[in-house]
């Protein structure tokens, strides 16, 4: 289990780096800066949420932190879609980051399902 957790944390760190790289490609005008700041906030948050979940005080707290991570990933996806359509339509990095975002949402959902199932078994 530890190896899987480590790999997820590493994957989330790599995702955060991708988010920063996409952000750096945006125009330096007002609109570009708005999207850049929003993307960095939501796109790096899942790594922090997952790290916090590993130190959760209860199963309920663990699930709550992962749910916040999902919300941030969904916000990131919408932001990336807008960026892809408006600013960087042919940028492969954006498309790859969108794909990774979808995969991370699935991983977070799976972790929540497992945590809920384990909680029910322990009762």
N, C-alpha and C. Protein backbone atom coordinates (compact mmCIF):
# COMPACT_ATOMS: atom_id res chain seq x y z
N UNK A 1 0.83 -1.20 0.00
CA UNK A 1 0.00 0.00 0.00
C UNK A 1 0.87 1.26 0.00
N UNK A 2 1.97 1.26 0.72
CA UNK A 2 2.84 2.43 0.78
C UNK A 2 3.36 2.81 -0.60
N UNK A 3 3.75 1.82 -1.41
CA UNK A 3 4.28 2.11 -2.75
C UNK A 3 3.22 2.79 -3.60
N UNK A 4 1.97 2.33 -3.52
CA UNK A 4 0.90 2.95 -4.30
C UNK A 4 0.68 4.39 -3.85
N UNK A 5 0.70 4.64 -2.55
CA UNK A 5 0.52 6.00 -2.04
C UNK A 5 1.65 6.90 -2.54
N UNK A 6 2.86 6.38 -2.47
CA UNK A 6 4.00 7.17 -2.93
C UNK A 6 3.86 7.48 -4.41
N UNK A 7 3.46 6.50 -5.20
CA UNK A 7 3.31 6.72 -6.63
C UNK A 7 2.22 7.75 -6.93
N UNK A 8 1.14 7.71 -6.19
CA UNK A 8 0.08 8.69 -6.40
C UNK A 8 0.59 10.08 -6.03
N UNK A 9 1.29 10.20 -4.92
CA UNK A 9 1.81 11.50 -4.54
C UNK A 9 2.76 12.02 -5.60
N UNK A 10 3.63 11.17 -6.10
CA UNK A 10 4.56 11.56 -7.15
C UNK A 10 3.81 11.97 -8.41
N UNK A 11 2.78 11.23 -8.74
CA UNK A 11 1.97 11.55 -9.92
C UNK A 11 1.29 12.91 -9.76
N UNK A 12 0.80 13.19 -8.58
CA UNK A 12 0.16 14.48 -8.32
C UNK A 12 1.17 15.62 -8.37
N UNK A 13 2.38 15.37 -7.93
CA UNK A 13 3.43 16.39 -8.03
C UNK A 13 3.75 16.65 -9.50
N UNK A 14 3.87 15.60 -10.30
CA UNK A 14 4.11 15.77 -11.74
C UNK A 14 2.95 16.51 -12.41
N UNK A 15 1.73 16.22 -11.98
CA UNK A 15 0.56 16.93 -12.50
C UNK A 15 0.66 18.41 -12.16
N UNK A 16 1.05 18.72 -10.94
CA UNK A 16 1.22 20.13 -10.52
C UNK A 16 2.26 20.83 -11.38
N UNK A 17 3.34 20.13 -11.68
CA UNK A 17 4.38 20.72 -12.53
C UNK A 17 3.83 20.98 -13.93
N UNK A 18 3.03 20.06 -14.46
CA UNK A 18 2.39 20.26 -15.76
C UNK A 18 1.48 21.48 -15.74
N UNK A 19 0.75 21.64 -14.65
CA UNK A 19 -0.14 22.79 -14.50
C UNK A 19 0.67 24.08 -14.54
N UNK A 20 1.78 24.11 -13.84
CA UNK A 20 2.64 25.30 -13.83
C UNK A 20 3.17 25.57 -15.23
N UNK A 21 3.56 24.52 -15.94
CA UNK A 21 4.08 24.70 -17.30
C UNK A 21 3.01 25.24 -18.25
N UNK A 22 1.79 24.75 -18.14
CA UNK A 22 0.70 25.29 -18.96
C UNK A 22 0.47 26.76 -18.60
N UNK A 23 0.45 27.04 -17.31
CA UNK A 23 0.24 28.41 -16.84
C UNK A 23 1.28 29.38 -17.42
N UNK A 24 2.51 28.92 -17.50
CA UNK A 24 3.59 29.76 -18.01
C UNK A 24 3.45 30.07 -19.50
N UNK A 25 2.64 29.33 -20.22
CA UNK A 25 2.44 29.55 -21.66
C UNK A 25 1.31 30.54 -21.95
N UNK A 26 0.58 30.91 -20.92
CA UNK A 26 -0.56 31.82 -21.12
C UNK A 26 -0.06 33.25 -21.35
N UNK A 27 -0.88 34.05 -22.04
CA UNK A 27 -0.48 35.44 -22.28
C UNK A 27 -0.32 36.20 -20.96
N UNK A 28 0.49 37.20 -20.99
CA UNK A 28 0.80 37.98 -19.79
C UNK A 28 -0.15 39.17 -19.61
N UNK A 29 -1.31 39.11 -20.26
CA UNK A 29 -2.30 40.18 -20.10
C UNK A 29 -3.24 39.84 -18.95
N UNK A 30 -4.23 40.70 -18.72
CA UNK A 30 -5.15 40.53 -17.59
C UNK A 30 -5.86 39.18 -17.64
N UNK A 31 -6.42 38.83 -18.78
CA UNK A 31 -7.18 37.58 -18.90
C UNK A 31 -6.25 36.37 -18.71
N UNK A 32 -5.11 36.40 -19.35
CA UNK A 32 -4.16 35.31 -19.20
C UNK A 32 -3.71 35.12 -17.76
N UNK A 33 -3.47 36.24 -17.08
CA UNK A 33 -3.06 36.16 -15.68
C UNK A 33 -4.18 35.63 -14.79
N UNK A 34 -5.42 36.02 -15.10
CA UNK A 34 -6.56 35.52 -14.34
C UNK A 34 -6.63 33.99 -14.44
N UNK A 35 -6.58 33.49 -15.66
CA UNK A 35 -6.65 32.04 -15.86
C UNK A 35 -5.43 31.34 -15.28
N UNK A 36 -4.28 31.94 -15.39
CA UNK A 36 -3.06 31.36 -14.85
C UNK A 36 -3.15 31.19 -13.34
N UNK A 37 -3.56 32.24 -12.65
CA UNK A 37 -3.66 32.19 -11.20
C UNK A 37 -4.69 31.16 -10.75
N UNK A 38 -5.83 31.15 -11.42
CA UNK A 38 -6.88 30.20 -11.06
C UNK A 38 -6.43 28.77 -11.32
N UNK A 39 -5.76 28.54 -12.45
CA UNK A 39 -5.28 27.22 -12.79
C UNK A 39 -4.25 26.73 -11.77
N UNK A 40 -3.35 27.58 -11.37
CA UNK A 40 -2.34 27.18 -10.39
C UNK A 40 -2.98 26.84 -9.05
N UNK A 41 -3.96 27.63 -8.63
CA UNK A 41 -4.62 27.36 -7.35
C UNK A 41 -5.33 26.00 -7.37
N UNK A 42 -6.16 25.79 -8.38
CA UNK A 42 -6.94 24.55 -8.40
C UNK A 42 -6.10 23.35 -8.83
N UNK A 43 -5.14 23.56 -9.71
CA UNK A 43 -4.38 22.45 -10.26
C UNK A 43 -3.29 21.90 -9.37
N UNK A 44 -2.84 22.69 -8.42
CA UNK A 44 -1.83 22.18 -7.49
C UNK A 44 -2.47 21.69 -6.18
N UNK A 45 -3.68 22.10 -5.92
CA UNK A 45 -4.36 21.72 -4.69
C UNK A 45 -4.53 20.20 -4.49
N UNK A 46 -4.84 19.42 -5.52
CA UNK A 46 -5.02 17.98 -5.28
C UNK A 46 -3.80 17.29 -4.66
N UNK A 47 -2.61 17.71 -5.00
CA UNK A 47 -1.41 17.13 -4.37
C UNK A 47 -1.42 17.41 -2.87
N UNK A 48 -1.82 18.61 -2.51
CA UNK A 48 -1.87 18.97 -1.09
C UNK A 48 -2.99 18.21 -0.38
N UNK A 49 -4.13 18.08 -1.03
CA UNK A 49 -5.27 17.38 -0.43
C UNK A 49 -4.93 15.91 -0.18
N UNK A 50 -4.26 15.29 -1.15
CA UNK A 50 -3.90 13.88 -1.00
C UNK A 50 -2.89 13.72 0.14
N UNK A 51 -1.95 14.64 0.24
CA UNK A 51 -0.97 14.58 1.33
C UNK A 51 -1.67 14.75 2.68
N UNK A 52 -2.63 15.66 2.75
CA UNK A 52 -3.39 15.84 3.99
C UNK A 52 -4.21 14.60 4.31
N UNK A 53 -4.77 13.97 3.29
CA UNK A 53 -5.59 12.77 3.49
C UNK A 53 -4.76 11.66 4.13
N UNK A 54 -3.49 11.59 3.80
CA UNK A 54 -2.63 10.55 4.37
C UNK A 54 -2.45 10.72 5.88
N UNK A 55 -2.72 11.92 6.37
CA UNK A 55 -2.62 12.18 7.81
C UNK A 55 -3.99 12.44 8.42
N UNK A 56 -5.02 11.98 7.76
CA UNK A 56 -6.38 12.22 8.24
C UNK A 56 -6.59 11.63 9.63
N UNK A 57 -7.43 12.30 10.38
CA UNK A 57 -7.70 11.87 11.75
C UNK A 57 -8.74 10.78 11.84
N UNK A 58 -9.48 10.59 10.76
CA UNK A 58 -10.51 9.55 10.73
C UNK A 58 -10.79 9.17 9.28
N UNK A 59 -11.54 8.11 9.10
CA UNK A 59 -11.94 7.70 7.76
C UNK A 59 -12.79 8.79 7.10
N UNK A 60 -13.66 9.40 7.91
CA UNK A 60 -14.52 10.47 7.40
C UNK A 60 -13.67 11.67 6.94
N UNK A 61 -12.66 12.01 7.71
CA UNK A 61 -11.76 13.10 7.36
C UNK A 61 -10.98 12.77 6.08
N UNK A 62 -10.52 11.52 5.96
CA UNK A 62 -9.81 11.06 4.77
C UNK A 62 -10.68 11.25 3.53
N UNK A 63 -11.92 10.78 3.61
CA UNK A 63 -12.85 10.90 2.48
C UNK A 63 -13.12 12.36 2.15
N UNK A 64 -13.30 13.18 3.17
CA UNK A 64 -13.57 14.60 2.96
C UNK A 64 -12.43 15.28 2.20
N UNK A 65 -11.21 14.99 2.58
CA UNK A 65 -10.05 15.61 1.91
C UNK A 65 -9.94 15.15 0.46
N UNK A 66 -10.24 13.89 0.20
CA UNK A 66 -10.21 13.41 -1.18
C UNK A 66 -11.34 14.04 -2.00
N UNK A 67 -12.49 14.25 -1.39
CA UNK A 67 -13.59 14.91 -2.10
C UNK A 67 -13.21 16.35 -2.48
N UNK A 68 -12.51 17.02 -1.62
CA UNK A 68 -12.02 18.37 -1.96
C UNK A 68 -11.07 18.27 -3.15
N UNK A 69 -10.21 17.26 -3.15
CA UNK A 69 -9.31 17.04 -4.27
C UNK A 69 -10.05 16.86 -5.58
N UNK A 70 -11.15 16.11 -5.55
CA UNK A 70 -11.97 15.91 -6.76
C UNK A 70 -12.56 17.23 -7.23
N UNK A 71 -13.07 18.02 -6.31
CA UNK A 71 -13.63 19.33 -6.68
C UNK A 71 -12.57 20.19 -7.37
N UNK A 72 -11.38 20.19 -6.82
CA UNK A 72 -10.30 20.99 -7.40
C UNK A 72 -9.91 20.45 -8.78
N UNK A 73 -9.88 19.14 -8.94
CA UNK A 73 -9.57 18.55 -10.25
C UNK A 73 -10.63 18.91 -11.28
N UNK A 74 -11.88 18.89 -10.87
CA UNK A 74 -12.96 19.26 -11.81
C UNK A 74 -12.86 20.73 -12.22
N UNK A 75 -12.55 21.58 -11.26
CA UNK A 75 -12.36 22.99 -11.57
C UNK A 75 -11.18 23.16 -12.53
N UNK A 76 -10.12 22.43 -12.28
CA UNK A 76 -8.94 22.47 -13.15
C UNK A 76 -9.30 22.03 -14.56
N UNK A 77 -10.10 20.98 -14.68
CA UNK A 77 -10.48 20.49 -16.00
C UNK A 77 -11.23 21.56 -16.80
N UNK A 78 -12.16 22.23 -16.18
CA UNK A 78 -12.90 23.29 -16.87
C UNK A 78 -11.95 24.40 -17.30
N UNK A 79 -11.06 24.77 -16.40
CA UNK A 79 -10.08 25.80 -16.71
C UNK A 79 -9.21 25.38 -17.90
N UNK A 80 -8.74 24.14 -17.89
CA UNK A 80 -7.92 23.64 -18.99
C UNK A 80 -8.69 23.60 -20.31
N UNK A 81 -9.97 23.27 -20.24
CA UNK A 81 -10.81 23.25 -21.45
C UNK A 81 -10.90 24.66 -22.05
N UNK A 82 -11.12 25.63 -21.20
CA UNK A 82 -11.19 27.02 -21.67
C UNK A 82 -9.86 27.44 -22.26
N UNK A 83 -8.78 27.14 -21.56
CA UNK A 83 -7.44 27.48 -22.03
C UNK A 83 -7.17 26.81 -23.37
N UNK A 84 -7.56 25.56 -23.48
CA UNK A 84 -7.35 24.81 -24.72
C UNK A 84 -8.09 25.44 -25.90
N UNK A 85 -9.30 25.86 -25.65
CA UNK A 85 -10.12 26.42 -26.73
C UNK A 85 -9.75 27.86 -27.07
N UNK A 86 -9.40 28.64 -26.07
CA UNK A 86 -9.17 30.07 -26.29
C UNK A 86 -7.70 30.43 -26.54
N UNK A 87 -6.81 29.87 -25.75
CA UNK A 87 -5.42 30.33 -25.77
C UNK A 87 -4.45 29.37 -26.46
N UNK A 88 -4.58 28.09 -26.21
CA UNK A 88 -3.58 27.11 -26.65
C UNK A 88 -4.23 25.91 -27.35
N UNK A 89 -4.95 26.16 -28.45
CA UNK A 89 -5.71 25.07 -29.07
C UNK A 89 -4.87 23.92 -29.62
N UNK A 90 -3.66 24.17 -30.00
CA UNK A 90 -2.85 23.09 -30.58
C UNK A 90 -1.74 22.62 -29.63
N UNK A 91 -1.81 23.02 -28.39
CA UNK A 91 -0.77 22.69 -27.41
C UNK A 91 -0.98 21.27 -26.87
N UNK A 92 -0.06 20.38 -27.19
CA UNK A 92 -0.14 18.98 -26.76
C UNK A 92 -0.08 18.89 -25.23
N UNK A 93 0.70 19.74 -24.60
CA UNK A 93 0.84 19.73 -23.14
C UNK A 93 -0.53 19.91 -22.46
N UNK A 94 -1.36 20.77 -23.00
CA UNK A 94 -2.69 21.00 -22.43
C UNK A 94 -3.53 19.72 -22.56
N UNK A 95 -3.49 19.10 -23.74
CA UNK A 95 -4.27 17.88 -23.96
C UNK A 95 -3.81 16.75 -23.04
N UNK A 96 -2.51 16.60 -22.88
CA UNK A 96 -1.99 15.57 -21.99
C UNK A 96 -2.36 15.84 -20.54
N UNK A 97 -2.35 17.10 -20.16
CA UNK A 97 -2.71 17.47 -18.79
C UNK A 97 -4.20 17.25 -18.55
N UNK A 98 -5.03 17.51 -19.54
CA UNK A 98 -6.46 17.21 -19.44
C UNK A 98 -6.70 15.72 -19.24
N UNK A 99 -6.00 14.91 -19.99
CA UNK A 99 -6.13 13.45 -19.87
C UNK A 99 -5.71 12.99 -18.48
N UNK A 100 -4.60 13.52 -17.99
CA UNK A 100 -4.13 13.16 -16.66
C UNK A 100 -5.12 13.61 -15.59
N UNK A 101 -5.74 14.74 -15.79
CA UNK A 101 -6.74 15.25 -14.86
C UNK A 101 -7.90 14.25 -14.75
N UNK A 102 -8.38 13.77 -15.88
CA UNK A 102 -9.46 12.77 -15.88
C UNK A 102 -9.04 11.49 -15.13
N UNK A 103 -7.82 11.05 -15.37
CA UNK A 103 -7.33 9.84 -14.72
C UNK A 103 -7.22 10.04 -13.20
N UNK A 104 -6.78 11.21 -12.79
CA UNK A 104 -6.67 11.49 -11.36
C UNK A 104 -8.03 11.54 -10.68
N UNK A 105 -9.03 12.08 -11.37
CA UNK A 105 -10.39 12.07 -10.82
C UNK A 105 -10.83 10.64 -10.58
N UNK A 106 -10.59 9.77 -11.54
CA UNK A 106 -10.96 8.36 -11.41
C UNK A 106 -10.23 7.71 -10.22
N UNK A 107 -8.96 8.02 -10.05
CA UNK A 107 -8.20 7.46 -8.93
C UNK A 107 -8.77 7.95 -7.60
N UNK A 108 -9.08 9.24 -7.51
CA UNK A 108 -9.64 9.78 -6.27
C UNK A 108 -10.99 9.13 -5.97
N UNK A 109 -11.84 8.99 -6.99
CA UNK A 109 -13.14 8.33 -6.79
C UNK A 109 -12.95 6.90 -6.29
N UNK A 110 -12.02 6.18 -6.90
CA UNK A 110 -11.75 4.81 -6.49
C UNK A 110 -11.28 4.75 -5.04
N UNK A 111 -10.43 5.68 -4.66
CA UNK A 111 -9.94 5.73 -3.27
C UNK A 111 -11.09 5.99 -2.30
N UNK A 112 -12.00 6.86 -2.69
CA UNK A 112 -13.16 7.15 -1.83
C UNK A 112 -14.05 5.93 -1.70
N UNK A 113 -14.31 5.24 -2.81
CA UNK A 113 -15.13 4.02 -2.77
C UNK A 113 -14.51 2.97 -1.85
N UNK A 114 -13.20 2.80 -1.98
CA UNK A 114 -12.49 1.82 -1.14
C UNK A 114 -12.56 2.22 0.32
N UNK A 115 -12.34 3.49 0.61
CA UNK A 115 -12.39 3.97 2.00
C UNK A 115 -13.78 3.78 2.60
N UNK A 116 -14.81 4.06 1.81
CA UNK A 116 -16.19 3.86 2.29
C UNK A 116 -16.47 2.38 2.55
N UNK A 117 -16.02 1.53 1.66
CA UNK A 117 -16.23 0.09 1.81
C UNK A 117 -15.49 -0.41 3.06
N UNK A 118 -14.28 0.05 3.26
CA UNK A 118 -13.51 -0.36 4.45
C UNK A 118 -14.15 0.14 5.72
N UNK A 119 -14.73 1.32 5.67
CA UNK A 119 -15.40 1.89 6.84
C UNK A 119 -16.63 1.04 7.20
N UNK A 120 -17.38 0.65 6.17
CA UNK A 120 -18.58 -0.17 6.41
C UNK A 120 -18.18 -1.53 6.97
N UNK A 121 -17.11 -2.13 6.47
CA UNK A 121 -16.65 -3.44 6.96
C UNK A 121 -16.21 -3.36 8.42
N UNK A 122 -15.63 -2.23 8.80
CA UNK A 122 -15.11 -2.11 10.17
C UNK A 122 -16.21 -1.88 11.20
N UNK A 123 -17.41 -1.60 10.78
CA UNK A 123 -18.52 -1.37 11.73
C UNK A 123 -19.11 -2.66 12.20
